[in-house]
């Protein structure tokens, strides 16, 4: 296990990530542990059944990954990933009906301009 102070992490995050490939890295704030950095080795953590899918759904749901990239992370086709989101009751399209109508009108105007 390796420990790194917050200021060291801010100055050289790449080193902490390199160390995390070997073992978990404890991030210290003063003399207290603040966080742990784990390397997401595709053969270990990401290789666990359902881990990639759960991570992809979570990252998509929180807005950290767009739909296509989340599907790629999950190793499902886009259609399969959308179906999985539906099973999990995670909306693929967000926003209100009014916003959707406004978007559609903008697209129609744009299309007419050609």
Protein backbone atom coordinates (compact mmCIF):
# COMPACT_ATOMS: atom_id res chain seq x y z
CA UNK A 1 0.00 0.00 0.00
CA UNK A 2 1.14 3.54 -0.75
CA UNK A 3 0.16 6.84 0.88
CA UNK A 4 0.17 10.28 -0.68
CA UNK A 5 -0.59 13.68 0.80
CA UNK A 6 -3.24 15.85 -0.86
CA UNK A 7 -0.72 18.48 -2.00
CA UNK A 8 1.42 15.72 -3.57
CA UNK A 9 -1.65 14.38 -5.35
CA UNK A 10 -2.46 17.85 -6.71
CA UNK A 11 1.12 18.35 -7.89
CA UNK A 12 1.57 14.93 -9.49
CA UNK A 13 -1.64 12.91 -9.94
CA UNK A 14 0.04 10.65 -12.50
CA UNK A 15 2.40 9.28 -9.86
CA UNK A 16 -0.51 8.34 -7.60
CA UNK A 17 -2.18 6.56 -10.53
CA UNK A 18 1.05 4.68 -11.30
CA UNK A 19 1.29 3.61 -7.66
CA UNK A 20 -2.37 2.54 -7.68
CA UNK A 21 -1.54 0.00 -10.41
CA UNK A 22 0.60 -1.80 -7.82
CA UNK A 23 -1.59 -1.39 -4.72
CA UNK A 24 -4.31 0.90 -3.33
CA UNK A 25 -3.15 4.44 -2.59
CA UNK A 26 -4.30 6.14 0.60
CA UNK A 27 -4.79 9.90 0.25
CA UNK A 28 -3.84 11.65 3.49
CA UNK A 29 -5.13 15.01 4.73
CA UNK A 30 -2.84 15.93 7.57
CA UNK A 31 -2.53 12.77 9.61
CA UNK A 32 -5.96 11.40 8.64
CA UNK A 33 -6.78 9.13 5.69
CA UNK A 34 -9.16 11.00 3.39
CA UNK A 35 -9.68 8.70 0.39
CA UNK A 36 -8.44 5.58 -1.36
CA UNK A 37 -7.45 5.31 -5.02
CA UNK A 38 -7.90 1.90 -6.64
CA UNK A 39 -6.69 0.96 -10.09
CA UNK A 40 -9.59 -0.39 -12.14
CA UNK A 41 -7.70 -3.26 -13.69
CA UNK A 42 -9.86 -4.71 -16.45
CA UNK A 43 -8.90 -8.24 -15.40
CA UNK A 44 -9.68 -7.80 -11.73
CA UNK A 45 -12.24 -5.18 -10.69
CA UNK A 46 -13.73 -4.48 -14.12
CA UNK A 47 -13.63 -8.18 -14.89
CA UNK A 48 -16.14 -9.00 -12.14
CA UNK A 49 -19.56 -9.96 -13.53
CA UNK A 50 -21.76 -6.90 -13.96
CA UNK A 51 -19.09 -4.42 -12.85
CA UNK A 52 -18.61 -2.71 -16.23
CA UNK A 53 -22.36 -2.44 -16.75
CA UNK A 54 -22.98 -1.05 -13.25
CA UNK A 55 -20.19 1.50 -13.65
CA UNK A 56 -21.40 2.52 -17.12
CA UNK A 57 -24.99 2.96 -15.92
CA UNK A 58 -23.89 4.99 -12.91
CA UNK A 59 -21.57 7.25 -14.94
CA UNK A 60 -24.28 7.80 -17.58
CA UNK A 61 -27.01 8.44 -15.00
CA UNK A 62 -24.86 11.04 -13.22
CA UNK A 63 -24.02 12.76 -16.51
CA UNK A 64 -20.32 11.88 -16.51
CA UNK A 65 -20.46 9.83 -19.73
CA UNK A 66 -22.56 10.31 -22.84
CA UNK A 67 -24.73 7.43 -24.01
CA UNK A 68 -22.37 6.03 -26.65
CA UNK A 69 -19.30 6.05 -24.43
CA UNK A 70 -21.25 4.48 -21.57
CA UNK A 71 -22.42 1.71 -23.92
CA UNK A 72 -18.83 1.14 -25.02
CA UNK A 73 -17.66 0.93 -21.38
CA UNK A 74 -20.39 -1.61 -20.66
CA UNK A 75 -19.24 -3.68 -23.65
CA UNK A 76 -22.84 -3.81 -24.90
CA UNK A 77 -24.16 -2.56 -28.21
CA UNK A 78 -25.93 0.78 -28.06
CA UNK A 79 -29.32 -0.94 -28.47
CA UNK A 80 -28.53 -3.46 -25.71
CA UNK A 81 -27.33 -0.69 -23.39
CA UNK A 82 -30.48 1.38 -23.98
CA UNK A 83 -32.59 -1.71 -23.24
CA UNK A 84 -30.64 -2.24 -20.01
CA UNK A 85 -31.19 1.40 -19.02
CA UNK A 86 -34.92 0.88 -19.56
CA UNK A 87 -34.86 -2.21 -17.32
CA UNK A 88 -33.12 -0.13 -14.65
CA UNK A 89 -35.64 2.73 -15.08
CA UNK A 90 -32.85 5.13 -16.12
CA UNK A 91 -34.13 7.65 -18.67
CA UNK A 92 -32.12 7.86 -21.87
CA UNK A 93 -33.54 11.26 -22.73
CA UNK A 94 -33.70 13.85 -20.00
CA UNK A 95 -35.50 17.16 -19.81
CA UNK A 96 -39.09 18.26 -19.98
CA UNK A 97 -41.61 17.78 -22.78
CA UNK A 98 -41.40 21.53 -23.42
CA UNK A 99 -37.63 21.34 -23.87
CA UNK A 100 -38.05 18.42 -26.27
CA UNK A 101 -40.59 20.41 -28.34
CA UNK A 102 -38.23 23.40 -28.43
CA UNK A 103 -35.37 21.17 -29.57
CA UNK A 104 -37.55 19.66 -32.30
CA UNK A 105 -38.58 23.12 -33.51
CA UNK A 106 -34.95 24.21 -33.61
CA UNK A 107 -34.10 21.11 -35.66
CA UNK A 108 -36.99 21.80 -38.07
CA UNK A 109 -35.81 25.39 -38.60
CA UNK A 110 -32.27 24.22 -39.14
CA UNK A 111 -33.41 21.55 -41.62
CA UNK A 112 -35.51 24.10 -43.60
CA UNK A 113 -32.47 26.31 -44.01
CA UNK A 114 -30.94 23.86 -46.48
